[in-house]
Amino acid sequence: MKLYRNFFKRAIDIAASGCGLIVLSPVLAVVTTWLHFANKGAGAFFFQERPGKDGKIFKVVKYKTMTDEKDADGKLLPDAQRLTKVGRFVRSTSIDELPQLWNVLKGDMSLVGPRPLVVKYLPLYSPEQARRHEVRPGITGWAQCHGRNSIPWHQKFAYDVWYVDHLTFKTDLQVIFLTLKKVLVREGISQEGEATMEPFNGHN
């Protein structure tokens, strides 16, 4: 287990992300152009600081699925109003996560691990929930293949910590298989009544 966690997992990440970026480059080029126009000048990529392993901050890159449209007071419109039809498709098929292969290649992320959340959540975690940062965050994870955005935060964090304690090659293969299955049937894209996921307001 330790050998896989400390060496082979990273080696697989480098090989898989490098090959993925090369093989998927035509798809990435088409989606980038598509989103450039659909987002009404807001750009095709979204960069944001996220905490990685041991809470180290890095910049995650994703496809941008929303416009930057604002109301009369200059405030961004609600997510549901800014999410474009193209963006909804890109998100529902998880294509928006593909640019993170670059983060995996750089070593910021892994193919499998707890999803990197926003920096402002760091002080809100309980000590147990904060254990999700003991490993590199992933493009997909145990929580994503067991409900994704449709499950409550406390359950999602419980799955993240379970993964930290059961990180093996077999577990990662399970995650990848189950994630592909979820993507094909487009399950767990959002919580009921939300365009994506409700904000996390503290551990419970």
Protein backbone atom coordinates (compact mmCIF):
# COMPACT_ATOMS: atom_id res chain seq x y z
CA MET A 1 0.00 0.00 0.00
CA LYS A 2 2.74 2.48 0.98
CA LEU A 3 4.77 1.70 -2.15
CA TYR A 4 1.78 2.44 -4.36
CA ARG A 5 0.84 5.58 -2.39
CA ASN A 6 4.40 6.98 -2.34
CA PHE A 7 5.71 5.97 -5.77
CA PHE A 8 3.58 4.03 -8.26
CA LYS A 9 0.51 6.29 -7.95
CA ARG A 10 2.53 9.33 -8.99
CA ALA A 11 4.22 7.42 -11.83
CA ILE A 12 0.81 6.37 -13.17
CA ASP A 13 -0.45 9.96 -12.87
CA ILE A 14 2.44 11.30 -14.95
CA ALA A 15 2.08 8.66 -17.67
CA ALA A 16 -1.73 8.83 -17.85
CA SER A 17 -2.02 12.64 -17.80
CA GLY A 18 0.74 13.09 -20.37
CA CYS A 19 -0.82 10.57 -22.75
CA GLY A 20 -4.28 11.98 -22.07
CA LEU A 21 -3.27 15.52 -23.00
CA ILE A 22 -1.75 14.31 -26.26
CA VAL A 23 -4.60 11.98 -27.26
CA LEU A 24 -7.34 14.43 -26.27
CA SER A 25 -5.68 17.53 -27.79
CA PRO A 26 -8.12 17.66 -30.77
CA VAL A 27 -11.11 17.47 -28.39
CA LEU A 28 -9.59 20.11 -26.11
CA ALA A 29 -9.04 22.43 -29.07
CA VAL A 30 -12.66 22.10 -30.24
CA VAL A 31 -14.14 22.58 -26.75
CA THR A 32 -11.89 25.58 -26.08
CA THR A 33 -13.09 27.29 -29.26
CA TRP A 34 -16.71 26.36 -28.56
CA LEU A 35 -16.64 27.81 -25.04
CA HIS A 36 -14.79 30.93 -26.14
CA PHE A 37 -17.81 32.00 -28.14
CA ALA A 38 -20.51 30.56 -25.85
CA ASN A 39 -19.16 32.43 -22.81
CA LYS A 40 -19.63 35.82 -24.48
CA GLY A 41 -16.07 36.98 -24.10
CA ALA A 42 -15.52 35.54 -20.61
CA GLY A 43 -12.87 33.12 -21.89
CA ALA A 44 -12.75 29.35 -22.11
CA PHE A 45 -10.72 28.60 -18.97
CA PHE A 46 -11.32 29.09 -15.27
CA PHE A 47 -8.38 29.44 -12.86
CA GLN A 48 -8.80 29.44 -9.10
CA GLU A 49 -6.64 28.88 -6.06
CA ARG A 50 -7.39 25.60 -4.29
CA PRO A 51 -5.75 23.77 -1.39
CA GLY A 52 -3.84 20.65 -2.35
CA LYS A 53 -1.87 18.06 -0.39
CA ASP A 54 -1.14 19.28 3.15
CA GLY A 55 -3.21 22.39 2.36
CA LYS A 56 -0.62 23.79 -0.08
CA ILE A 57 -2.31 26.28 -2.39
CA PHE A 58 -2.17 25.82 -6.18
CA LYS A 59 -4.13 27.12 -9.15
CA VAL A 60 -6.59 24.63 -10.58
CA VAL A 61 -7.60 24.95 -14.24
CA LYS A 62 -11.02 23.96 -15.55
CA TYR A 63 -13.16 24.81 -18.52
CA LYS A 64 -15.29 27.86 -17.80
CA THR A 65 -18.97 26.91 -18.09
CA MET A 66 -20.54 30.25 -17.12
CA THR A 67 -20.58 33.77 -18.47
CA ASP A 68 -19.51 36.78 -16.39
CA GLU A 69 -22.88 38.52 -16.79
CA LYS A 70 -23.80 40.94 -13.99
CA ASP A 71 -26.96 42.64 -12.75
CA ALA A 72 -27.65 46.39 -12.67
CA ASP A 73 -25.62 46.72 -9.44
CA GLY A 74 -22.56 45.11 -10.96
CA LYS A 75 -22.98 41.81 -9.09
CA LEU A 76 -22.66 38.48 -10.86
CA LEU A 77 -25.98 36.90 -11.74
CA PRO A 78 -26.90 33.60 -10.01
CA ASP A 79 -25.07 30.50 -11.29
CA ALA A 80 -28.24 29.11 -12.89
CA GLN A 81 -28.58 32.22 -15.05
CA ARG A 82 -24.92 32.34 -16.09
CA LEU A 83 -24.63 28.64 -16.91
CA THR A 84 -24.85 28.38 -20.71
CA LYS A 85 -26.34 25.49 -22.68
CA VAL A 86 -22.85 24.63 -23.89
CA GLY A 87 -21.55 24.92 -20.34
CA ARG A 88 -24.29 22.64 -19.01
CA PHE A 89 -23.34 19.98 -21.57
CA VAL A 90 -19.63 20.32 -20.86
CA ARG A 91 -20.27 20.04 -17.13
CA SER A 92 -22.76 17.14 -17.34
CA THR A 93 -20.28 15.11 -19.38
CA SER A 94 -17.39 16.11 -17.05
CA ILE A 95 -15.48 17.54 -20.01
CA ASP A 96 -14.91 20.64 -17.87
CA GLU A 97 -12.49 18.59 -15.73
CA LEU A 98 -10.18 17.60 -18.60
CA PRO A 99 -7.83 20.64 -18.35
CA GLN A 100 -6.93 19.41 -14.87
CA LEU A 101 -4.79 16.76 -16.55
CA TRP A 102 -2.25 19.61 -16.66
CA ASN A 103 -2.50 19.95 -12.87
CA VAL A 104 -1.94 16.19 -12.57
CA LEU A 105 1.12 16.32 -14.83
CA LYS A 106 2.56 19.19 -12.74
CA GLY A 107 2.03 17.29 -9.51
CA ASP A 108 -0.63 19.55 -8.00
CA MET A 109 -3.25 16.82 -8.32
CA SER A 110 -3.73 13.11 -8.91
CA LEU A 111 -6.13 11.32 -11.22
CA VAL A 112 -7.93 10.01 -8.13
CA GLY A 113 -8.34 11.78 -4.80
CA PRO A 114 -10.66 14.10 -2.89
CA ARG A 115 -11.85 16.96 -5.08
CA PRO A 116 -10.00 20.25 -4.43
CA LEU A 117 -12.44 22.73 -2.90
CA VAL A 118 -12.18 26.50 -2.46
CA VAL A 119 -9.65 28.04 -0.07
CA LYS A 120 -12.30 29.77 2.04
CA TYR A 121 -13.50 26.38 3.29
CA LEU A 122 -10.18 25.59 5.01
CA PRO A 123 -11.06 27.08 8.43
CA LEU A 124 -14.53 25.49 8.33
CA TYR A 125 -13.42 21.85 8.39
CA SER A 126 -13.48 19.71 11.50
CA PRO A 127 -10.13 18.01 12.27
CA GLU A 128 -11.48 14.79 10.79
CA GLN A 129 -12.74 16.48 7.62
CA ALA A 130 -9.38 18.25 7.19
CA ARG A 131 -7.74 14.83 6.77
CA ARG A 132 -8.88 14.96 3.14
CA HIS A 133 -5.72 17.02 2.55
CA GLU A 134 -3.40 14.19 3.56
CA VAL A 135 -3.28 13.11 -0.10
CA ARG A 136 -3.20 14.94 -3.42
CA PRO A 137 -6.65 16.08 -4.58
CA GLY A 138 -8.02 14.31 -7.63
CA ILE A 139 -9.92 14.89 -10.84
CA THR A 140 -12.32 12.29 -9.50
CA GLY A 141 -12.66 10.59 -6.15
CA TRP A 142 -14.55 8.17 -3.93
CA ALA A 143 -17.20 10.82 -3.18
CA GLN A 144 -17.66 11.64 -6.88
CA CYS A 145 -18.51 8.04 -7.75
CA HIS A 146 -20.83 7.75 -4.75
CA GLY A 147 -23.11 10.69 -5.38
CA ARG A 148 -20.98 13.54 -6.72
CA ASN A 149 -22.87 16.82 -6.07
CA SER A 150 -26.14 15.14 -5.08
CA ILE A 151 -24.98 14.11 -1.58
CA PRO A 152 -24.69 16.38 1.50
CA TRP A 153 -21.33 17.81 2.53
CA HIS A 154 -20.89 15.68 5.66
CA GLN A 155 -21.33 12.51 3.59
CA LYS A 156 -18.96 13.75 0.91
CA PHE A 157 -16.24 14.47 3.49
CA ALA A 158 -16.79 11.07 5.12
CA TYR A 159 -16.16 9.45 1.74
CA ASP A 160 -13.02 11.59 1.25
CA VAL A 161 -11.56 10.49 4.59
CA TRP A 162 -12.49 6.87 3.86
CA TYR A 163 -10.47 7.14 0.66
CA VAL A 164 -7.44 8.53 2.52
CA ASP A 165 -7.52 5.48 4.81
CA HIS A 166 -8.08 2.97 1.99
CA LEU A 167 -5.86 4.35 -0.78
CA THR A 168 -4.75 1.37 -2.88
CA PHE A 169 -4.36 0.57 -6.56
CA LYS A 170 -7.56 -1.49 -6.36
CA THR A 171 -9.49 1.42 -4.84
CA ASP A 172 -8.27 3.79 -7.56
CA LEU A 173 -9.33 1.35 -10.27
CA GLN A 174 -12.77 1.13 -8.64
CA VAL A 175 -13.05 4.93 -8.60
CA ILE A 176 -12.12 5.26 -12.26
CA PHE A 177 -14.55 2.52 -13.31
CA LEU A 178 -17.44 3.91 -11.24
CA THR A 179 -16.72 7.46 -12.41
CA LEU A 180 -16.93 6.45 -16.06
CA LYS A 181 -20.24 4.76 -15.29
CA LYS A 182 -21.56 7.91 -13.56
CA VAL A 183 -20.45 10.14 -16.43
CA LEU A 184 -22.18 7.94 -19.01
CA VAL A 185 -25.52 8.13 -17.18
CA ARG A 186 -24.88 11.73 -16.00
CA GLU A 187 -25.80 11.12 -12.36
CA GLY A 188 -25.17 13.48 -9.45
CA ILE A 189 -24.45 16.61 -11.48
CA SER A 190 -26.15 18.90 -8.98
CA GLN A 191 -28.14 18.99 -5.78
CA GLU A 192 -31.91 19.33 -6.01
CA GLY A 193 -32.79 22.99 -6.42
CA GLU A 194 -29.19 24.00 -7.18
CA ALA A 195 -27.37 24.58 -10.49
CA THR A 196 -24.27 22.92 -9.04
CA MET A 197 -23.67 22.40 -5.29
CA GLU A 198 -24.86 24.41 -2.32
CA PRO A 199 -22.08 26.28 -0.44
CA PHE A 200 -20.38 24.64 2.54
CA ASN A 201 -21.02 26.68 5.69
CA GLY A 202 -19.14 24.66 8.26
CA HIS A 203 -18.70 21.11 9.52
CA ASN A 204 -21.66 19.24 10.94
